[in-house]
């Protein structure tokens, strides 16, 4: 190992041990974070309105500061476009992240200099966990490829607006820049397809040791790498051969497990997988600290969490718990207060604690993304777990998917769920795949199981395979290629299903069944 790499590896391990020790008991860390946030923002407009300087505890905070959904918070944040300062956080907010919201359409989220620093610290923790899992020399002496959005930002008044991942890419620490790919010119390309072509051309045989991306886009990128290698005369390429030292994949944006079979096939040999959770509002807030396990909540990095019992998330004034009041194995909707000037903000994500000291969570769904057209209450987490189980049981490789209700009709009087599935490698037995989907959700969900009893309230899942490239073309038609854009796991309308089936028919040159 080179001297610099060795020094960095030792520094990362020291920092990691220190953080793990300090966060073993998360409540004191969270109280310190809240007090620091309130102190920093005490002289802002919001701080004076809610008398932040007088708040000393989480209990006082929730009694005084109301929940602020996007529609309320943006009326404060967006005054920065006209140059306003000291509104929800000290100074002027220069950057806003464009986020595709599920409840409020496209959202513009403030990204302050302090939030950027917090996210950089989280990035160092990711690097530390990667170094701990594998050969630190191999990781630190190679290059790290990041598939994020375009770093080309557009002006909005006195501010700059763009993809959250792109804003962070502009602030990579100086000491890491020469190790991070792609180059700035490629990062700036706004056309996702052109950008991926350039990355494949420039880095097909690069010394890439780690890749960070949304799993669905990484799988498409791997396929293009393999196709380019085949076109160049390699009869049996695999990503693990094209990048001989490639050893780590960092996942963000969606559940990784449904894509594990695809990655194993594309890479062609074992590598380390590390799952993370991030959002435009909170930056990176959880990291998988043990292989294959839950994610460790970052409790001392500029974000204060509150937890609303998931079954009460839609109430106008639900109970708000701090991290010392939560219980294991219960679902909670997340509220965030951050050094981005975000206060008691309902993120829409649902977490479940699997341990409290340290705080480790699994993300079990969204408050407003679930399938319950008939009272079956199937959550996003259940859908993702079922797809992962079915793929593992049938050796299928899943490219993408969505689920939609099929409402009763004269021809089909009982309802069902339609699973629109695109396979990179289909299961040998489609019926078995559907059976595992069904069994997995029944074991997780009593309401669904009751509906499925004797097929009375809900028929067996209806599996509808679609042609390769269907979801890509659908996302392209919506202007949603790349970055943090994701295929909706629950179809937002019947029109979405019709569009997918029409695209599939065109690609296949035939008729979907």
Protein backbone atom coordinates (compact mmCIF):
# COMPACT_ATOMS: atom_id res chain seq x y z
CA UNK A 1 0.00 0.00 0.00
CA UNK A 2 1.28 3.49 -0.85
CA UNK A 3 2.10 5.84 1.99
CA UNK A 4 -0.87 8.14 1.31
CA UNK A 5 -3.31 5.24 0.94
CA UNK A 6 -2.01 3.68 4.14
CA UNK A 7 -2.40 6.94 6.02
CA UNK A 8 -5.96 7.40 4.72
CA UNK A 9 -6.88 3.80 5.62
CA UNK A 10 -5.67 4.28 9.21
CA UNK A 11 -7.47 7.61 9.51
CA UNK A 12 -10.72 6.10 8.21
CA UNK A 13 -10.60 3.19 10.64
CA UNK A 14 -9.83 5.50 13.57
CA UNK A 15 -12.73 7.80 12.62
CA UNK A 16 -15.08 4.85 12.22
CA UNK A 17 -14.26 3.39 15.64
CA UNK A 18 -14.75 6.81 17.23
CA UNK A 19 -18.13 7.34 15.57
CA UNK A 20 -19.32 3.84 16.43
CA UNK A 21 -18.33 4.33 20.05
CA UNK A 22 -20.03 7.74 20.35
CA UNK A 23 -23.26 6.57 18.70
CA UNK A 24 -23.67 3.32 20.62
CA UNK A 25 -26.21 5.20 22.75
CA UNK A 26 -28.05 7.37 20.18
CA UNK A 27 -30.28 9.55 22.39
CA UNK A 28 -27.50 11.81 23.80
CA UNK A 29 -26.17 12.27 20.25
CA UNK A 30 -29.61 13.24 18.96
CA UNK A 31 -30.25 15.71 21.79
CA UNK A 32 -26.88 17.34 21.05
CA UNK A 33 -27.71 17.54 17.34
CA UNK A 34 -31.10 19.16 18.05
CA UNK A 35 -29.64 21.73 20.40
CA UNK A 36 -26.94 22.62 17.90
CA UNK A 37 -29.48 23.01 15.09
CA UNK A 38 -31.68 25.24 17.26
CA UNK A 39 -28.71 27.34 18.39
CA UNK A 40 -27.47 27.85 14.82
CA UNK A 41 -30.92 28.86 13.55
CA UNK A 42 -32.09 30.87 16.57
CA UNK A 43 -31.71 34.24 14.81
CA UNK A 44 -33.38 33.21 11.57
CA UNK A 45 -36.93 34.19 10.73
CA UNK A 46 -38.25 30.74 11.64
CA UNK A 47 -36.07 30.62 14.74
CA UNK A 48 -37.55 33.84 16.05
CA UNK A 49 -41.10 32.82 15.11
CA UNK A 50 -40.89 29.58 17.12
CA UNK A 51 -38.46 30.91 19.77
CA UNK A 52 -35.76 28.33 19.10
CA UNK A 53 -33.54 29.93 21.74
CA UNK A 54 -35.96 28.83 24.46
CA UNK A 55 -36.15 25.16 23.37
CA UNK A 56 -33.95 22.79 25.36
CA UNK A 57 -35.41 19.32 24.70
CA UNK A 58 -37.09 17.17 22.04
CA UNK A 59 -40.33 17.39 24.02
CA UNK A 60 -40.29 21.20 23.90
CA UNK A 61 -39.39 21.13 20.23
CA UNK A 62 -42.36 19.00 19.20
CA UNK A 63 -44.71 21.03 21.40
CA UNK A 64 -43.66 24.31 19.80
CA UNK A 65 -42.65 23.54 16.20
CA UNK A 66 -45.41 22.06 14.00
CA UNK A 67 -44.90 19.47 11.30
CA UNK A 68 -43.96 21.35 8.13
CA UNK A 69 -44.76 19.47 4.90
CA UNK A 70 -43.28 20.65 1.64
CA UNK A 71 -46.26 22.81 0.74
CA UNK A 72 -45.70 24.83 3.94
CA UNK A 73 -41.91 24.79 4.10
CA UNK A 74 -41.33 25.84 0.50
CA UNK A 75 -43.05 29.19 1.13
CA UNK A 76 -40.06 29.99 3.38
CA UNK A 77 -37.29 28.21 1.47
CA UNK A 78 -38.05 29.58 -1.97
CA UNK A 79 -37.69 33.19 -0.94
CA UNK A 80 -33.98 32.51 -1.41
CA UNK A 81 -34.62 32.70 -5.17
CA UNK A 82 -35.16 36.45 -4.67
CA UNK A 83 -32.05 36.74 -2.51
CA UNK A 84 -33.63 36.46 0.94
CA UNK A 85 -31.28 35.43 3.73
CA UNK A 86 -31.61 34.05 7.27
CA UNK A 87 -35.03 32.53 6.65
CA UNK A 88 -34.79 28.93 7.91
CA UNK A 89 -31.00 28.68 8.17
CA UNK A 90 -28.31 31.35 8.55
CA UNK A 91 -27.21 33.08 5.35
CA UNK A 92 -28.34 32.67 1.78
CA UNK A 93 -29.06 29.18 0.40
CA UNK A 94 -27.29 28.91 -2.95
CA UNK A 95 -28.31 25.39 -4.05
CA UNK A 96 -31.65 23.67 -4.42
CA UNK A 97 -32.04 19.98 -5.25
CA UNK A 98 -34.72 18.97 -7.70
CA UNK A 99 -36.54 15.97 -6.25
CA UNK A 100 -39.34 14.00 -7.91
CA UNK A 101 -41.87 13.98 -5.11
CA UNK A 102 -44.56 11.33 -4.76
CA UNK A 103 -46.94 13.62 -2.91
CA UNK A 104 -46.19 17.11 -4.22
CA UNK A 105 -44.83 16.65 -7.74
CA UNK A 106 -41.35 18.01 -8.42
CA UNK A 107 -39.89 19.60 -5.31
CA UNK A 108 -37.03 22.08 -4.82
CA UNK A 109 -35.17 21.27 -1.59
CA UNK A 110 -32.59 23.61 0.00
CA UNK A 111 -29.00 22.37 0.14
CA UNK A 112 -26.89 24.54 2.45
CA UNK A 113 -23.13 24.60 2.85
CA UNK A 114 -23.55 22.88 6.23
CA UNK A 115 -25.69 20.12 4.68
CA UNK A 116 -22.99 19.56 2.05
CA UNK A 117 -20.37 19.20 4.79
CA UNK A 118 -22.55 16.65 6.60
CA UNK A 119 -23.00 14.64 3.44
CA UNK A 120 -19.26 14.66 2.82
CA UNK A 121 -18.72 13.27 6.33
CA UNK A 122 -21.25 10.54 5.57
CA UNK A 123 -19.38 9.79 2.36
CA UNK A 124 -16.20 9.32 4.37
CA UNK A 125 -18.07 6.83 6.57
CA UNK A 126 -19.11 4.89 3.47
CA UNK A 127 -15.48 4.81 2.34
CA UNK A 128 -14.43 3.64 5.81
CA UNK A 129 -16.92 0.77 5.79
CA UNK A 130 -15.79 -0.22 2.29
CA UNK A 131 -12.17 -0.24 3.42
CA UNK A 132 -13.08 -2.36 6.44
CA UNK A 133 -14.90 -4.95 4.31
CA UNK A 134 -12.20 -5.50 1.75
CA UNK A 135 -8.58 -4.85 0.93
CA UNK A 136 -8.03 -1.20 1.87
CA UNK A 137 -5.03 -0.91 -0.45
CA UNK A 138 -7.00 -2.19 -3.43
CA UNK A 139 -9.83 0.19 -2.74
CA UNK A 140 -7.86 3.35 -1.97
CA UNK A 141 -5.29 3.04 -4.74
CA UNK A 142 -7.88 2.61 -7.49
CA UNK A 143 -10.73 4.72 -8.80
CA UNK A 144 -14.32 5.21 -7.69
CA UNK A 145 -17.03 5.61 -10.35
CA UNK A 146 -20.20 7.52 -9.44
CA UNK A 147 -23.27 7.32 -11.68
CA UNK A 148 -25.13 10.47 -10.69
CA UNK A 149 -27.10 13.20 -12.38
CA UNK A 150 -25.66 15.94 -14.56
CA UNK A 151 -23.56 18.54 -12.75
CA UNK A 152 -24.90 21.17 -15.13
CA UNK A 153 -27.10 23.36 -12.93
CA UNK A 154 -29.66 25.93 -14.01
CA UNK A 155 -30.27 29.32 -12.49
CA UNK A 156 -33.39 30.13 -10.52
CA UNK A 157 -33.12 33.74 -9.46
CA UNK A 158 -30.15 34.02 -7.12
CA UNK A 159 -29.86 30.23 -6.75
CA UNK A 160 -28.71 27.16 -8.69
CA UNK A 161 -30.99 24.16 -9.17
CA UNK A 162 -30.09 20.59 -10.12
CA UNK A 163 -29.98 16.92 -9.17
CA UNK A 164 -29.03 16.29 -5.53
CA UNK A 165 -26.33 13.81 -6.52
CA UNK A 166 -24.93 16.36 -8.97
CA UNK A 167 -24.69 19.08 -6.33
CA UNK A 168 -22.72 16.71 -4.12
CA UNK A 169 -20.50 15.68 -7.05
CA UNK A 170 -19.44 19.31 -7.36
CA UNK A 171 -18.18 19.23 -3.78
CA UNK A 172 -15.98 16.12 -3.74
CA UNK A 173 -13.07 16.79 -1.34
CA UNK A 174 -9.91 17.94 -3.10
CA UNK A 175 -7.91 14.93 -1.93
CA UNK A 176 -10.42 12.53 -3.52
CA UNK A 177 -10.98 14.24 -6.87
CA UNK A 178 -8.27 12.44 -8.80
CA UNK A 179 -9.74 9.11 -7.69
CA UNK A 180 -13.35 9.88 -8.64
CA UNK A 181 -14.80 9.17 -12.08
CA UNK A 182 -16.21 10.28 -14.46
CA UNK A 183 -14.25 13.38 -15.44
CA UNK A 184 -15.93 16.80 -14.97
CA UNK A 185 -16.79 17.13 -18.66
CA UNK A 186 -18.60 13.79 -18.65
CA UNK A 187 -20.30 14.58 -15.34
CA UNK A 188 -21.78 17.70 -16.92
CA UNK A 189 -23.48 15.91 -19.84
CA UNK A 190 -27.25 16.36 -19.51
CA UNK A 191 -28.32 13.62 -21.96
CA UNK A 192 -28.27 10.42 -19.88
CA UNK A 193 -27.81 8.07 -22.84
CA UNK A 194 -24.94 10.15 -24.24
CA UNK A 195 -23.38 10.29 -20.80
CA UNK A 196 -23.48 6.51 -20.36
CA UNK A 197 -22.02 5.99 -23.85
CA UNK A 198 -19.15 8.31 -22.97
CA UNK A 199 -18.52 6.54 -19.66
CA UNK A 200 -18.48 3.14 -21.38
CA UNK A 201 -16.11 4.44 -24.07
CA UNK A 202 -13.73 6.07 -21.61
CA UNK A 203 -13.74 3.59 -18.74
CA UNK A 204 -14.46 0.14 -20.18
CA UNK A 205 -11.02 -1.01 -19.02
CA UNK A 206 -10.36 1.56 -16.30
CA UNK A 207 -8.96 0.73 -12.88
CA UNK A 208 -12.38 0.97 -11.20
CA UNK A 209 -12.44 -0.51 -7.70
CA UNK A 210 -15.88 0.72 -6.55
CA UNK A 211 -19.10 1.89 -8.16
CA UNK A 212 -21.93 3.87 -6.56
CA UNK A 213 -25.30 4.05 -8.32
CA UNK A 214 -28.99 3.39 -8.14
CA UNK A 215 -29.18 -0.40 -8.72
CA UNK A 216 -31.54 -0.27 -11.68
CA UNK A 217 -29.31 2.20 -13.57
CA UNK A 218 -26.16 0.29 -12.63
CA UNK A 219 -27.65 -2.90 -14.11
CA UNK A 220 -28.36 -1.10 -17.39
CA UNK A 221 -24.83 0.35 -17.36
CA UNK A 222 -23.34 -3.12 -16.85
CA UNK A 223 -25.32 -4.43 -19.82
CA UNK A 224 -23.95 -1.65 -22.01
CA UNK A 225 -20.41 -2.37 -20.84
CA UNK A 226 -20.84 -6.04 -21.74
CA UNK A 227 -22.37 -5.19 -25.13
CA UNK A 228 -19.48 -2.83 -25.92
CA UNK A 229 -16.95 -5.51 -25.00
CA UNK A 230 -18.74 -8.07 -27.17
CA UNK A 231 -18.78 -5.62 -30.09
CA UNK A 232 -15.02 -5.23 -29.64
CA UNK A 233 -14.55 -8.99 -30.01
CA UNK A 234 -14.70 -10.29 -26.44
CA UNK A 235 -16.90 -13.40 -26.73
CA UNK A 236 -17.71 -13.79 -23.02
CA UNK A 237 -17.19 -10.55 -21.14
CA UNK A 238 -18.15 -9.86 -17.54
CA UNK A 239 -17.78 -6.67 -15.55
CA UNK A 240 -15.44 -8.47 -13.14
CA UNK A 241 -13.08 -9.23 -16.05
CA UNK A 242 -13.33 -5.79 -17.64
CA UNK A 243 -12.55 -4.24 -14.24
CA UNK A 244 -10.22 -6.86 -12.69
CA UNK A 245 -9.88 -5.04 -9.35
CA UNK A 246 -13.59 -4.11 -9.03
CA UNK A 247 -14.60 -5.15 -5.52
CA UNK A 248 -17.36 -2.89 -4.10
CA UNK A 249 -20.79 -1.66 -5.10
CA UNK A 250 -22.51 1.11 -3.11
CA UNK A 251 -26.27 1.14 -3.59
CA UNK A 252 -28.60 4.07 -3.06
CA UNK A 253 -32.08 5.18 -4.07
CA UNK A 254 -33.93 1.85 -3.87
CA UNK A 255 -33.77 -1.61 -2.33
CA UNK A 256 -30.80 -3.57 -3.65
CA UNK A 257 -31.90 -7.17 -2.96
CA UNK A 258 -34.24 -7.57 -5.99
CA UNK A 259 -31.20 -6.87 -8.20
CA UNK A 260 -28.69 -9.16 -6.49
CA UNK A 261 -29.05 -12.01 -9.01
CA UNK A 262 -28.55 -9.57 -11.88
CA UNK A 263 -25.39 -8.15 -10.32
CA UNK A 264 -23.97 -11.59 -9.60
CA UNK A 265 -24.47 -12.48 -13.25
CA UNK A 266 -23.15 -9.26 -14.76
CA UNK A 267 -20.08 -9.04 -12.50
CA UNK A 268 -19.31 -12.74 -12.77
CA UNK A 269 -17.60 -13.13 -9.40
CA UNK A 270 -18.23 -12.19 -5.75
CA UNK A 271 -17.88 -8.56 -4.71
CA UNK A 272 -18.87 -6.59 -1.62
CA UNK A 273 -22.26 -4.85 -1.58
CA UNK A 274 -23.00 -1.92 0.71
CA UNK A 275 -26.50 -0.46 0.91
CA UNK A 276 -27.13 3.14 1.91
CA UNK A 277 -30.13 5.36 2.38
CA UNK A 278 -30.21 8.97 1.27
CA UNK A 279 -32.74 11.61 0.36
CA UNK A 280 -32.64 15.09 -1.13
CA UNK A 281 -33.92 16.42 2.19
CA UNK A 282 -31.57 14.67 4.61
CA UNK A 283 -28.59 13.64 2.50
CA UNK A 284 -27.11 10.28 3.42
CA UNK A 285 -28.66 9.23 6.72
CA UNK A 286 -28.08 5.47 7.03
CA UNK A 287 -25.32 3.04 6.04
CA UNK A 288 -25.23 -0.75 6.09
CA UNK A 289 -22.46 -1.32 8.63
CA UNK A 290 -22.56 -5.13 8.51
CA UNK A 291 -22.67 -7.18 5.27
CA UNK A 292 -26.23 -8.14 4.40
CA UNK A 293 -27.62 -6.53 7.54
CA UNK A 294 -29.79 -3.52 8.35
CA UNK A 295 -28.53 0.06 8.10
CA UNK A 296 -26.99 2.07 10.89
CA UNK A 297 -28.78 5.39 11.39
CA UNK A 298 -26.35 8.33 11.43
CA UNK A 299 -27.44 10.05 14.63
CA UNK A 300 -24.71 12.67 14.99
CA UNK A 301 -24.37 14.20 11.53
CA UNK A 302 -26.60 17.25 11.35
CA UNK A 303 -29.99 15.50 11.22
CA UNK A 304 -32.49 15.24 14.08
CA UNK A 305 -35.07 12.48 13.64
CA UNK A 306 -38.61 12.18 14.91
CA UNK A 307 -40.76 9.11 14.47
CA UNK A 308 -44.51 8.94 13.93
CA UNK A 309 -46.26 5.55 14.34
CA UNK A 310 -46.87 4.59 10.72
CA UNK A 311 -50.55 3.84 11.21
CA UNK A 312 -51.04 7.45 12.35
CA UNK A 313 -48.87 9.17 9.76
CA UNK A 314 -51.83 10.70 7.90
CA UNK A 315 -53.30 12.37 11.00
CA UNK A 316 -53.15 16.16 11.18
CA UNK A 317 -51.39 16.15 14.57
CA UNK A 318 -49.89 12.70 15.15
CA UNK A 319 -47.66 11.71 18.09
CA UNK A 320 -43.97 12.47 17.51
CA UNK A 321 -41.36 10.33 19.25
CA UNK A 322 -37.63 10.89 19.62
CA UNK A 323 -35.15 8.06 19.24
CA UNK A 324 -35.26 7.26 22.95
CA UNK A 325 -38.99 6.54 22.78
CA UNK A 326 -39.21 4.15 19.82
CA UNK A 327 -39.61 0.38 19.99
CA UNK A 328 -38.09 -2.40 17.96
CA UNK A 329 -40.15 -4.08 15.22
CA UNK A 330 -42.65 -1.24 14.85
CA UNK A 331 -43.05 0.88 11.73
CA UNK A 332 -42.48 4.62 12.00
CA UNK A 333 -42.82 7.45 9.49
CA UNK A 334 -39.78 9.74 9.49
CA UNK A 335 -39.69 13.45 10.27
CA UNK A 336 -36.41 15.30 9.70
CA UNK A 337 -34.92 18.52 11.01
CA UNK A 338 -31.59 19.32 9.38
CA UNK A 339 -28.79 21.82 8.91
CA UNK A 340 -30.34 22.47 5.52
CA UNK A 341 -33.00 24.63 7.16
CA UNK A 342 -35.55 21.80 7.17
CA UNK A 343 -37.74 21.52 10.27
CA UNK A 344 -40.09 18.69 11.34
CA UNK A 345 -40.39 17.67 7.70
CA UNK A 346 -42.38 14.51 6.84
CA UNK A 347 -40.10 12.59 4.53
CA UNK A 348 -42.68 9.98 3.56
CA UNK A 349 -40.38 7.04 4.34
CA UNK A 350 -41.20 4.33 6.87
CA UNK A 351 -38.50 2.66 8.99
CA UNK A 352 -38.47 -0.24 11.39
CA UNK A 353 -35.86 -0.55 14.14
CA UNK A 354 -34.16 -3.90 14.41
CA UNK A 355 -31.91 -2.66 17.21
CA UNK A 356 -31.88 0.45 19.37
CA UNK A 357 -28.28 0.54 20.64
CA UNK A 358 -26.82 1.24 18.17
CA UNK A 359 -29.79 2.41 16.10
CA UNK A 360 -30.15 0.08 13.14
CA UNK A 361 -33.13 0.24 10.80
CA UNK A 362 -34.64 -1.28 7.72
CA UNK A 363 -36.64 0.90 5.39
CA UNK A 364 -40.01 -0.76 5.12
CA UNK A 365 -41.92 1.45 2.74
CA UNK A 366 -43.46 4.83 2.08
CA UNK A 367 -46.39 6.42 3.82
CA UNK A 368 -48.13 7.04 0.50
CA UNK A 369 -46.71 4.26 -1.66
CA UNK A 370 -48.58 1.05 -1.03
CA UNK A 371 -51.01 -1.21 -2.79
CA UNK A 372 -54.38 -1.24 -1.08
CA UNK A 373 -57.04 -0.91 -3.74
CA UNK A 374 -59.08 -3.61 -1.95
CA UNK A 375 -58.00 -3.12 1.69
CA UNK A 376 -55.00 -5.48 1.43
CA UNK A 377 -52.42 -2.90 2.65
CA UNK A 378 -49.34 -4.19 0.80
CA UNK A 379 -46.40 -1.89 1.50
CA UNK A 380 -43.40 -1.07 -0.64
CA UNK A 381 -41.16 -3.06 1.69
CA UNK A 382 -43.34 -6.16 1.23
CA UNK A 383 -43.25 -5.76 -2.56
CA UNK A 384 -39.47 -5.48 -2.62
CA UNK A 385 -39.01 -8.44 -0.27
CA UNK A 386 -41.34 -10.58 -2.36
CA UNK A 387 -39.50 -9.83 -5.62
CA UNK A 388 -36.14 -10.60 -4.03
CA UNK A 389 -37.47 -13.91 -2.66
CA UNK A 390 -39.05 -14.94 -5.97
CA UNK A 391 -35.90 -14.09 -7.93
CA UNK A 392 -33.75 -16.08 -5.51
CA UNK A 393 -36.09 -19.09 -5.57
CA UNK A 394 -36.27 -19.27 -9.37
CA UNK A 395 -32.80 -17.99 -10.36
CA UNK A 396 -34.47 -15.18 -12.28
CA UNK A 397 -32.70 -11.92 -13.00
CA UNK A 398 -35.08 -8.97 -12.57
CA UNK A 399 -34.50 -5.84 -14.64
CA UNK A 400 -37.45 -3.77 -13.39
CA UNK A 401 -41.06 -4.05 -12.31
CA UNK A 402 -44.20 -2.36 -11.09
CA UNK A 403 -47.45 -3.61 -9.52
CA UNK A 404 -50.98 -2.47 -10.26
CA UNK A 405 -54.47 -3.50 -9.16
CA UNK A 406 -56.81 -5.24 -11.59
CA UNK A 407 -60.30 -4.17 -10.70
CA UNK A 408 -63.29 -6.53 -11.02
CA UNK A 409 -65.18 -6.64 -14.30
CA UNK A 410 -67.96 -8.70 -15.84
CA UNK A 411 -65.36 -10.96 -17.44
CA UNK A 412 -63.11 -11.14 -14.33
CA UNK A 413 -65.33 -10.63 -11.27
CA UNK A 414 -62.57 -11.05 -8.67
CA UNK A 415 -59.75 -8.52 -8.28
CA UNK A 416 -56.06 -9.30 -8.56
CA UNK A 417 -52.64 -7.69 -8.55
CA UNK A 418 -50.89 -7.39 -11.88
CA UNK A 419 -47.10 -7.65 -11.61
CA UNK A 420 -45.55 -6.07 -14.71
CA UNK A 421 -42.12 -7.73 -14.74
CA UNK A 422 -39.15 -7.16 -17.03
CA UNK A 423 -36.59 -9.93 -16.74
CA UNK A 424 -32.97 -9.90 -17.81
CA UNK A 425 -33.26 -13.67 -17.38
CA UNK A 426 -36.78 -15.01 -16.92
CA UNK A 427 -37.56 -17.69 -14.35
CA UNK A 428 -37.76 -21.22 -15.63
CA UNK A 429 -41.21 -21.45 -14.10
CA UNK A 430 -43.36 -18.31 -14.14
CA UNK A 431 -45.97 -19.96 -11.93
CA UNK A 432 -43.37 -20.68 -9.28
CA UNK A 433 -42.22 -17.05 -9.38
CA UNK A 434 -45.82 -15.90 -8.85
CA UNK A 435 -46.32 -18.47 -6.07
CA UNK A 436 -43.27 -17.19 -4.16
CA UNK A 437 -44.46 -13.59 -4.56
CA UNK A 438 -47.80 -14.63 -3.11
CA UNK A 439 -46.44 -16.72 -0.24
CA UNK A 440 -43.94 -14.07 0.81
CA UNK A 441 -46.57 -11.34 1.08
CA UNK A 442 -49.07 -13.66 2.78
CA UNK A 443 -46.49 -14.47 5.44
CA UNK A 444 -45.88 -10.74 6.01
CA UNK A 445 -49.40 -9.36 5.81
CA UNK A 446 -52.50 -10.63 7.58
CA UNK A 447 -54.86 -8.39 5.57
CA UNK A 448 -53.48 -9.69 2.28
CA UNK A 449 -53.60 -13.27 3.55
CA UNK A 450 -57.26 -12.85 4.48
CA UNK A 451 -58.08 -11.49 1.03
CA UNK A 452 -56.23 -14.40 -0.60
CA UNK A 453 -57.95 -17.14 1.40
CA UNK A 454 -59.53 -19.50 -1.14
CA UNK A 455 -59.02 -16.78 -3.79
CA UNK A 456 -62.20 -15.22 -2.44
CA UNK A 457 -61.20 -11.58 -2.05
CA UNK A 458 -58.15 -11.54 -4.26
CA UNK A 459 -56.91 -13.90 -6.94
CA UNK A 460 -53.35 -15.17 -7.18
CA UNK A 461 -50.86 -12.58 -8.49
CA UNK A 462 -51.03 -12.20 -12.25
CA UNK A 463 -47.51 -12.14 -13.69
CA UNK A 464 -47.14 -10.15 -16.95
CA UNK A 465 -43.63 -10.37 -18.45
CA UNK A 466 -42.73 -7.50 -20.77
CA UNK A 467 -40.02 -7.11 -23.39
CA UNK A 468 -36.45 -6.14 -22.52
CA UNK A 469 -36.09 -2.38 -22.47
CA UNK A 470 -39.73 -1.66 -21.68
CA UNK A 471 -39.17 0.23 -18.46
CA UNK A 472 -36.18 2.09 -19.88
CA UNK A 473 -38.24 3.35 -22.81
CA UNK A 474 -41.10 4.30 -20.50
CA UNK A 475 -38.78 6.29 -18.24
CA UNK A 476 -37.22 7.91 -21.29
CA UNK A 477 -40.65 8.95 -22.54
CA UNK A 478 -41.21 10.72 -19.22
CA UNK A 479 -37.83 12.48 -19.24
CA UNK A 480 -36.75 10.47 -16.18
CA UNK A 481 -33.54 8.73 -17.24
CA UNK A 482 -30.64 8.38 -14.83
CA UNK A 483 -29.62 9.94 -11.55
CA UNK A 484 -32.07 9.41 -8.71
CA UNK A 485 -35.11 8.82 -10.92
CA UNK A 486 -36.83 5.52 -10.11
CA UNK A 487 -39.53 3.38 -11.65
CA UNK A 488 -42.68 3.60 -9.48
CA UNK A 489 -43.06 0.25 -7.73
CA UNK A 490 -46.82 0.76 -7.54
CA UNK A 491 -48.27 1.94 -10.84
CA UNK A 492 -49.65 5.42 -10.41
CA UNK A 493 -52.52 4.89 -12.85
CA UNK A 494 -54.07 2.43 -15.27
CA UNK A 495 -52.55 4.59 -18.01
CA UNK A 496 -49.05 3.64 -16.82
CA UNK A 497 -49.84 -0.05 -17.28
CA UNK A 498 -51.31 0.57 -20.74
CA UNK A 499 -48.23 2.56 -21.75
CA UNK A 500 -45.87 -0.17 -20.54
CA UNK A 501 -47.76 -2.89 -22.39
CA UNK A 502 -47.85 -0.80 -25.58
CA UNK A 503 -44.09 -0.19 -25.39
CA UNK A 504 -43.49 -3.88 -24.76
CA UNK A 505 -45.61 -4.83 -27.75
CA UNK A 506 -43.65 -2.45 -29.97
CA UNK A 507 -40.29 -3.75 -28.73
CA UNK A 508 -41.31 -7.38 -29.07
CA UNK A 509 -43.02 -6.88 -32.41
CA UNK A 510 -45.91 -8.92 -31.10
CA UNK A 511 -48.69 -9.09 -28.60
CA UNK A 512 -48.37 -9.19 -24.80
CA UNK A 513 -50.31 -11.86 -22.98
